[in-house]
Protein backbone atom coordinates (compact mmCIF):
# COMPACT_ATOMS: atom_id res chain seq x y z
CA MET A 1 30.69 7.07 21.13
CA ARG A 2 27.45 5.37 22.13
CA ARG A 3 27.48 1.84 23.57
CA PHE A 4 25.11 -0.50 25.41
CA ARG A 5 24.55 -4.23 25.82
CA PHE A 6 22.87 -5.32 22.61
CA THR A 7 19.34 -6.68 22.84
CA VAL A 8 16.83 -7.27 20.08
CA GLN A 9 14.53 -4.53 21.34
CA GLY A 10 17.41 -2.13 21.89
CA LEU A 11 18.67 -2.58 18.34
CA GLU A 12 15.18 -2.19 16.89
CA GLU A 13 14.80 1.17 18.66
CA LEU A 14 18.12 2.61 17.49
CA THR A 15 17.92 5.78 15.38
CA THR A 16 20.41 8.39 14.23
CA HIS A 17 20.42 11.80 12.56
CA LYS A 18 24.00 11.43 11.36
CA THR A 19 24.95 10.21 7.89
CA ARG A 20 25.93 6.95 9.58
CA GLU A 21 26.85 6.07 13.15
CA PHE A 22 28.54 3.11 14.87
CA ILE A 23 27.08 2.05 18.25
CA HIS A 24 29.14 -0.52 20.19
CA ASP A 25 28.21 -3.56 22.25
CA ASP A 26 29.17 -3.62 25.95
CA GLN A 27 29.65 -7.39 25.94
CA VAL A 28 31.96 -7.54 22.89
CA PRO A 29 33.33 -3.99 22.53
CA ALA A 30 34.69 -4.55 19.01
CA LEU A 31 31.18 -5.43 17.82
CA ALA A 32 29.23 -2.43 16.55
CA VAL A 33 26.01 -1.75 14.73
CA GLN A 34 26.08 0.80 11.95
CA VAL A 35 22.84 2.82 11.84
CA THR A 36 21.75 5.06 8.96
CA PRO A 37 19.05 7.78 8.98
CA SER A 38 16.80 5.61 6.78
CA GLY A 39 16.76 2.90 9.46
CA GLY A 40 19.32 0.52 7.93
CA LYS A 41 21.34 -1.48 10.46
CA SER A 42 24.31 -3.83 10.00
CA PHE A 43 26.78 -5.54 12.32
CA TYR A 44 30.46 -4.55 12.01
CA VAL A 45 33.78 -5.25 13.69
CA VAL A 46 35.37 -1.87 14.50
CA LYS A 47 38.74 -2.09 16.26
CA ARG A 48 42.00 -0.19 16.37
CA HIS A 49 44.89 -2.20 14.92
CA GLY A 50 48.45 -0.92 14.70
CA ARG A 51 48.32 2.68 13.60
CA GLY A 52 44.98 2.34 11.94
CA LYS A 53 41.51 0.91 12.39
CA VAL A 54 39.90 -2.27 11.08
CA VAL A 55 36.31 -1.90 9.92
CA GLN A 56 34.78 -5.16 8.72
CA ARG A 57 31.11 -5.69 7.88
CA LEU A 58 29.62 -8.93 9.26
CA GLY A 59 26.06 -8.75 7.94
CA SER A 60 22.69 -7.06 8.41
CA LEU A 61 20.41 -7.54 11.39
CA HIS A 62 18.17 -9.65 9.15
CA GLU A 63 21.06 -12.04 8.42
CA LEU A 64 22.69 -12.44 11.84
CA SER A 65 21.43 -12.96 15.37
CA ILE A 66 23.15 -11.08 18.19
CA PRO A 67 24.92 -14.23 19.54
CA LYS A 68 26.16 -15.12 16.05
CA ALA A 69 27.44 -11.58 15.47
CA ARG A 70 29.25 -11.63 18.81
CA ALA A 71 30.88 -14.96 18.00
CA LEU A 72 32.06 -13.76 14.57
CA ALA A 73 33.39 -10.52 16.03
CA ALA A 74 35.27 -12.34 18.86
CA GLU A 75 36.83 -14.79 16.39
CA PHE A 76 37.90 -11.96 14.11
CA VAL A 77 39.52 -10.04 17.00
CA THR A 78 41.31 -13.18 18.29
CA ARG A 79 42.95 -13.77 14.92
CA LEU A 80 43.89 -10.13 14.71
CA THR A 81 45.49 -10.25 18.19
CA LEU A 82 47.50 -13.39 17.33
CA GLY A 83 49.03 -11.56 14.42
CA GLU A 84 47.09 -13.48 11.82
CA GLU A 85 45.65 -11.63 8.89
CA PRO A 86 42.05 -12.62 9.36
CA GLU A 87 40.17 -13.45 6.22
CA PRO A 88 37.31 -11.07 5.59
CA VAL A 89 33.92 -12.35 6.66
CA ARG A 90 32.38 -13.07 3.31
CA GLU A 91 28.68 -12.59 2.86
CA LYS A 92 26.63 -14.60 0.45
CA PRO A 93 25.98 -12.59 -2.71
CA LEU A 94 22.75 -10.64 -2.35
CA LEU A 95 19.84 -12.02 -4.34
CA LEU A 96 17.33 -9.71 -5.99
CA ARG A 97 14.42 -11.44 -4.24
CA ASP A 98 16.09 -10.79 -0.86
CA ALA A 99 16.47 -7.11 -1.76
CA LEU A 100 12.75 -6.98 -2.60
CA HIS A 101 11.73 -8.58 0.70
CA GLU A 102 14.09 -6.33 2.69
CA TYR A 103 12.33 -3.35 1.11
CA LEU A 104 8.94 -4.84 2.05
CA ASP A 105 10.15 -5.09 5.66
CA TYR A 106 11.16 -1.42 5.53
CA ALA A 107 7.80 -0.45 3.99
CA ARG A 108 5.83 -2.23 6.72
CA ASP A 109 7.55 -0.08 9.34
CA HIS A 110 7.49 3.24 7.50
CA LEU A 111 4.70 3.35 4.89
CA SER A 112 0.90 3.17 4.92
CA PRO A 113 -0.87 -0.23 4.91
CA SER A 114 -2.41 0.47 1.49
CA THR A 115 1.05 1.15 0.02
CA VAL A 116 2.42 -2.02 1.62
CA THR A 117 -0.48 -4.00 0.13
CA ASP A 118 0.37 -2.63 -3.33
CA TYR A 119 4.04 -3.51 -2.87
CA GLU A 120 3.25 -7.04 -1.69
CA ARG A 121 1.08 -7.50 -4.77
CA HIS A 122 3.93 -6.31 -7.00
CA VAL A 123 6.23 -8.94 -5.54
CA SER A 124 3.78 -11.85 -5.42
CA MET A 125 2.18 -11.30 -8.82
CA HIS A 126 4.87 -9.74 -10.99
CA LEU A 127 8.39 -9.64 -9.56
CA GLY A 128 8.82 -12.76 -7.43
CA ALA A 129 9.00 -15.30 -10.23
CA TRP A 130 11.00 -12.91 -12.44
CA ALA A 131 13.57 -12.33 -9.69
CA GLY A 132 13.92 -16.05 -9.05
CA ALA A 133 17.47 -16.82 -7.90
CA ARG A 134 19.05 -13.87 -9.73
CA LEU A 135 21.97 -12.17 -8.07
CA LEU A 136 21.31 -8.47 -7.63
CA SER A 137 24.69 -7.78 -9.21
CA GLY A 138 23.64 -9.82 -12.26
CA VAL A 139 20.50 -7.86 -13.16
CA ARG A 140 21.00 -5.87 -16.36
CA ARG A 141 19.26 -2.73 -17.54
CA LYS A 142 18.06 -4.37 -20.78
CA GLU A 143 16.33 -7.08 -18.72
CA VAL A 144 14.47 -4.51 -16.63
CA THR A 145 13.53 -2.59 -19.78
CA ALA A 146 12.12 -5.79 -21.31
CA LEU A 147 10.17 -6.51 -18.10
CA HIS A 148 8.70 -3.00 -18.10
CA LYS A 149 7.58 -3.41 -21.71
CA LEU A 150 6.02 -6.82 -21.02
CA LEU A 151 4.16 -5.53 -17.96
CA GLY A 152 2.83 -2.61 -20.01
CA GLN A 153 1.45 -4.99 -22.64
CA ARG A 154 -0.10 -7.43 -20.17
CA HIS A 155 -1.25 -5.25 -17.29
CA GLY A 156 -1.41 -1.71 -18.63
CA ARG A 157 1.00 1.18 -18.67
CA PRO A 158 0.13 2.67 -15.25
CA SER A 159 0.73 -0.68 -13.54
CA ALA A 160 4.02 -1.15 -15.37
CA ASN A 161 5.20 2.27 -14.21
CA ARG A 162 4.23 1.61 -10.57
CA ILE A 163 6.02 -1.75 -10.54
CA LEU A 164 9.15 -0.26 -12.08
CA ALA A 165 9.17 2.53 -9.48
CA PHE A 166 8.95 -0.07 -6.69
CA LEU A 167 11.78 -2.14 -8.21
CA ARG A 168 13.98 0.95 -8.54
CA ALA A 169 13.35 1.98 -4.91
CA ALA A 170 14.03 -1.54 -3.60
CA ILE A 171 17.35 -1.81 -5.46
CA ASN A 172 18.38 1.70 -4.40
CA ARG A 173 17.88 0.80 -0.76
CA ALA A 174 19.73 -2.51 -1.10
CA ILE A 175 22.72 -0.77 -2.72
CA ARG A 176 22.79 1.82 0.07
CA GLU A 177 22.26 -0.49 3.03
CA HIS A 178 24.63 -3.23 1.82
CA GLU A 179 27.20 -0.67 0.64
CA LEU A 180 27.35 -2.19 -2.83
CA ASP A 181 29.29 -0.61 -5.64
CA LEU A 182 26.65 -1.25 -8.28
CA PRO A 183 24.62 0.81 -10.73
CA ASN A 184 20.85 0.56 -10.35
CA PRO A 185 19.63 -1.26 -13.49
CA ALA A 186 16.10 0.14 -12.97
CA ARG A 187 17.22 3.76 -12.96
CA GLY A 188 16.76 5.98 -16.01
CA ILE A 189 14.29 3.74 -17.84
CA THR A 190 11.69 5.89 -19.61
CA LEU A 191 8.24 5.54 -18.09
CA TYR A 192 5.15 5.12 -20.20
CA ARG A 193 3.19 8.27 -20.78
CA GLU A 194 -0.02 8.07 -18.79
CA GLU A 195 -3.24 9.82 -19.70
CA ALA A 196 -5.61 10.90 -16.96
CA ARG A 197 -8.46 8.41 -16.69
CA THR A 198 -11.91 9.92 -17.23
CA ARG A 199 -14.18 6.83 -17.22
CA ARG A 200 -17.26 7.13 -15.05
CA LEU A 201 -20.75 5.72 -14.81
CA PHE A 202 -22.98 7.77 -17.08
CA THR A 203 -26.66 8.47 -16.51
CA GLU A 204 -27.79 6.14 -19.29
CA GLU A 205 -25.68 3.29 -17.84
CA LEU A 206 -27.12 3.46 -14.34
CA PRO A 207 -30.35 1.42 -14.89
CA ALA A 208 -28.46 -1.57 -16.33
CA PHE A 209 -25.77 -1.25 -13.67
CA PHE A 210 -28.28 -1.23 -10.78
CA GLN A 211 -30.28 -4.08 -12.32
CA ALA A 212 -27.09 -6.15 -12.59
CA LEU A 213 -26.27 -5.25 -9.00
CA ARG A 214 -29.71 -6.40 -7.80
CA GLU A 215 -29.21 -9.71 -9.61
CA GLU A 216 -25.79 -10.33 -7.98
CA PRO A 217 -26.26 -13.42 -5.74
CA ASN A 218 -23.43 -12.54 -3.34
CA ARG A 219 -24.79 -9.98 -0.89
CA ASP A 220 -21.30 -9.01 0.34
CA VAL A 221 -20.26 -8.12 -3.20
CA ARG A 222 -23.55 -6.31 -3.82
CA ASP A 223 -23.27 -4.21 -0.67
CA PHE A 224 -19.57 -3.53 -1.19
CA ILE A 225 -20.07 -2.13 -4.69
CA LEU A 226 -23.07 -0.01 -3.69
CA LEU A 227 -21.22 1.40 -0.68
CA ALA A 228 -18.22 2.17 -2.87
CA LEU A 229 -20.46 4.21 -5.16
CA LEU A 230 -22.39 5.98 -2.41
CA THR A 231 -19.31 6.99 -0.38
CA GLY A 232 -16.59 7.41 -3.04
CA ALA A 233 -14.24 5.54 -0.68
CA ARG A 234 -11.11 3.77 -1.85
CA LYS A 235 -11.38 0.00 -2.22
CA GLN A 236 -8.72 -0.79 0.38
CA ASN A 237 -10.41 1.40 2.98
CA LEU A 238 -13.72 -0.40 2.38
CA LEU A 239 -12.06 -3.81 2.65
CA THR A 240 -10.61 -2.93 6.07
CA LEU A 241 -13.70 -1.02 7.29
CA ARG A 242 -14.45 -1.92 10.93
CA TRP A 243 -17.62 -1.25 12.88
CA GLU A 244 -15.69 0.76 15.45
CA GLN A 245 -14.88 3.33 12.74
CA ILE A 246 -18.54 4.17 12.16
CA SER A 247 -20.60 6.64 14.20
CA PHE A 248 -24.23 5.86 13.41
CA SER A 249 -25.47 8.79 15.50
CA ARG A 250 -23.37 11.31 13.51
CA ALA A 251 -23.48 9.38 10.20
CA LEU A 252 -19.70 9.52 9.90
CA TRP A 253 -16.96 7.01 9.09
CA THR A 254 -13.47 7.81 10.39
CA VAL A 255 -10.58 6.26 8.47
CA PRO A 256 -7.50 6.13 10.77
CA ALA A 257 -4.40 8.03 9.66
CA ALA A 258 -2.46 4.75 9.43
CA GLU A 259 -4.93 3.49 6.78
CA SER A 260 -5.41 6.73 4.88
CA LYS A 261 -3.53 7.24 1.62
CA ASN A 262 -2.25 10.68 2.63
CA GLY A 263 -1.36 9.59 6.16
CA ARG A 264 -3.98 11.78 7.83
CA GLU A 265 -7.20 10.83 9.55
CA LEU A 266 -10.05 10.98 7.04
CA THR A 267 -13.70 11.62 7.85
CA VAL A 268 -16.16 10.11 5.36
CA VAL A 269 -19.67 11.55 5.49
CA LEU A 270 -22.34 8.86 5.09
CA ALA A 271 -25.40 9.70 3.00
CA ARG A 272 -28.74 8.36 4.22
CA ARG A 273 -28.79 5.32 1.89
CA ALA A 274 -25.21 4.41 2.78
CA LEU A 275 -26.05 4.60 6.48
CA GLU A 276 -29.14 2.41 5.97
CA LEU A 277 -27.04 -0.17 4.14
CA LEU A 278 -24.59 -0.32 7.05
CA GLN A 279 -27.41 -0.61 9.58
CA GLU A 280 -28.86 -3.52 7.58
CA ARG A 281 -25.48 -5.28 7.54
CA GLN A 282 -25.05 -4.77 11.26
CA GLN A 283 -28.04 -7.06 11.81
CA PHE A 284 -26.32 -10.16 10.38
CA VAL A 285 -22.56 -9.51 10.25
CA THR A 286 -20.51 -10.70 13.22
CA GLY A 287 -16.92 -9.79 14.02
CA PRO A 288 -15.01 -6.52 13.77
CA PHE A 289 -15.15 -6.09 9.97
CA VAL A 290 -18.10 -4.77 7.97
CA PHE A 291 -17.03 -7.06 5.11
CA PRO A 292 -15.56 -10.14 6.79
CA GLY A 293 -13.75 -12.89 4.93
CA ARG A 294 -15.77 -16.03 4.23
CA PRO A 295 -15.02 -18.89 6.67
CA GLY A 296 -13.22 -21.91 5.30
CA ALA A 297 -9.81 -23.22 4.33
CA ARG A 298 -9.16 -20.31 1.96
CA ALA A 299 -10.33 -17.58 4.33
CA PRO A 300 -7.93 -14.63 4.29
CA LYS A 301 -5.65 -14.30 7.32
CA SER A 302 -6.57 -10.60 7.56
CA GLY A 303 -10.11 -11.50 8.64
CA HIS A 304 -11.76 -9.25 6.05
CA MET A 305 -12.84 -9.72 2.43
CA SER A 306 -9.75 -10.06 0.25
CA ASN A 307 -10.95 -8.76 -3.11
CA PRO A 308 -14.39 -8.44 -4.75
CA ASN A 309 -12.99 -8.39 -8.31
CA VAL A 310 -14.62 -11.66 -9.39
CA GLY A 311 -18.05 -10.43 -8.28
CA TRP A 312 -17.34 -7.05 -9.89
CA GLY A 313 -16.68 -8.84 -13.17
CA ARG A 314 -20.04 -10.64 -12.93
CA VAL A 315 -21.89 -7.35 -12.39
CA LEU A 316 -20.18 -5.69 -15.38
CA ALA A 317 -20.92 -8.68 -17.62
CA ARG A 318 -24.65 -8.65 -16.74
CA ALA A 319 -24.80 -4.87 -17.22
CA GLY A 320 -22.98 -5.04 -20.55
CA LEU A 321 -20.42 -2.48 -19.39
CA THR A 322 -16.79 -2.44 -20.48
CA SER A 323 -13.62 -0.62 -19.40
CA LEU A 324 -15.14 0.26 -16.03
CA ARG A 325 -12.97 -0.25 -12.95
CA MET A 326 -14.10 -0.25 -9.35
CA HIS A 327 -12.05 2.88 -8.68
CA ASP A 328 -14.17 4.62 -11.35
CA LEU A 329 -17.10 4.52 -8.91
CA ARG A 330 -15.19 7.09 -6.89
CA ARG A 331 -14.93 9.31 -9.94
CA SER A 332 -18.60 8.67 -10.72
CA LEU A 333 -19.77 10.04 -7.37
CA ALA A 334 -17.59 13.13 -7.83
CA SER A 335 -18.99 13.60 -11.34
CA PHE A 336 -22.58 13.52 -10.06
CA GLN A 337 -21.61 16.04 -7.39
CA ILE A 338 -20.30 18.32 -10.12
CA ASP A 339 -23.46 17.71 -12.16
CA THR A 340 -25.57 18.87 -9.21
CA GLY A 341 -23.57 22.09 -8.73
CA THR A 342 -21.25 21.12 -5.87
CA PRO A 343 -18.19 23.38 -5.40
CA LEU A 344 -14.82 21.75 -6.05
CA GLU A 345 -13.69 22.40 -2.48
CA VAL A 346 -16.57 20.30 -1.12
CA ILE A 347 -15.79 17.45 -3.53
CA GLN A 348 -12.17 17.46 -2.41
CA LYS A 349 -13.30 17.05 1.20
CA THR A 350 -15.76 14.34 0.21
CA LEU A 351 -13.03 12.23 -1.39
CA GLY A 352 -10.27 13.10 1.07
CA HIS A 353 -7.98 14.58 -1.57
CA GLU A 354 -5.04 16.66 -0.34
CA SER A 355 -3.25 19.49 -2.15
CA LYS A 356 -1.35 22.60 -1.08
CA ALA A 357 -3.60 24.92 -3.06
CA THR A 358 -6.86 23.76 -1.54
CA THR A 359 -6.05 22.36 1.90
CA GLU A 360 -6.64 25.61 3.77
CA ILE A 361 -9.97 26.09 2.02
CA TYR A 362 -11.61 22.71 2.44
CA ALA A 363 -10.01 21.83 5.79
CA ARG A 364 -12.24 24.53 7.32
CA LEU A 365 -15.42 23.13 5.79
CA ALA A 366 -17.95 21.61 8.15
CA THR A 367 -19.58 18.32 7.24
CA GLY A 368 -22.88 20.08 6.48
CA PRO A 369 -22.08 21.09 2.88
CA VAL A 370 -20.61 17.65 2.23
CA ARG A 371 -23.74 15.94 3.52
CA GLU A 372 -26.05 18.17 1.45
CA SER A 373 -23.98 17.48 -1.64
CA LEU A 374 -23.95 13.73 -1.02
CA GLU A 375 -27.71 13.65 -0.58
CA ARG A 376 -28.20 15.52 -3.89
CA ALA A 377 -25.71 13.30 -5.72
CA THR A 378 -27.02 9.98 -4.41
CA ALA A 379 -30.61 11.14 -4.98
CA ALA A 380 -29.71 11.96 -8.59
CA ILE A 381 -28.20 8.49 -9.06
CA LEU A 382 -31.22 6.70 -7.60
CA ALA A 383 -33.68 8.98 -9.46
CA CYS A 384 -32.15 8.02 -12.80
CA VAL A 385 -32.80 4.36 -12.03
CA GLU A 386 -36.38 4.99 -10.91
CA THR A 387 -37.16 7.14 -13.95
CA GLU A 388 -35.81 4.54 -16.36
CA SER A 389 -37.69 1.76 -14.59
CA THR A 390 -40.95 3.77 -14.84
CA LYS A 391 -40.39 4.34 -18.58
CA ARG A 392 -39.87 0.63 -19.15
CA ALA A 393 -42.99 -0.26 -17.18
CA GLU A 394 -45.10 2.25 -19.15
CA SER A 395 -43.76 0.97 -22.48
CA ARG A 396 -44.75 -2.60 -21.56
CA ALA A 397 -48.25 -1.51 -20.47
């Protein structure tokens, strides 16, 4: 049986490979912390009494401080020793919103920053107000089904499915960690069928798109969108891009494993125009981020640009384009690579995709083929714009 004098740091560092394990406090021996393999931790009173053992849950580490847990455990043991039948320590009923925030705390310690950002958005934009003051035990399956349907109508089927998956995972963890005898009301709900998205920027759309981009008054938005197209990088990685991640001498951008979607360090090859854009920004941008947040009362706490969606909407409106998302720029670059004869393995390395079937092939690729492909693809994009501009000038002559 493990025991030590409980401290905040000591409890935070506790792990176990057992199904569940009780670790006792040296100061109040009847006080124990139950640890699970997933990282869940709760205070308990565990003490022999008569011919048996009393096991009484006091609360999670989020709910009780160490001094409070010791006091509750000592009081419980005193009553037990005096022959009283101590009343169980009753916890407040768990609210759904608390279960959601407990899962966010877990995600911050165990999942990638981009995943955490998605989860935080789910709670702040879609689930927080809906959860309200609901008891977790009071949530019904028909309510979750209705929410899923409403989200599908308002925000699209893929978003509705992602939010439902998050809700199901959060409730599963709450049931497990709080040892609740409840069914998960989000389990078993049929997901929307999702069709693979194929939207991209087409050759004939490029002149209007680049003209709208040139007319965009916000240079940060303009540069962000162009860099997204020329690198095929994910939006979140661009938002958190720091100067220290860029090697100008090697024309490479290294995304740390902690910020990569697949949890592995990602090397992004920078085409010549992308590198020039970054060098231009380096002349006037101060601070660690390539796209810093604007100063002022509403500046994001993160220090970097929060979201260029408003500027993106302006560009699309001027270009007369519909149903185009910023993530489609990533698909657009890959499509131009295919159009210029790039092998699939090189495209997978360009975009940082990971799969069992292709990992061994493209992991061995040097950056040379990727750079050649990027130069051809970006040249093809820019050539389309120049050709169209020349045609328009000749027609006006």
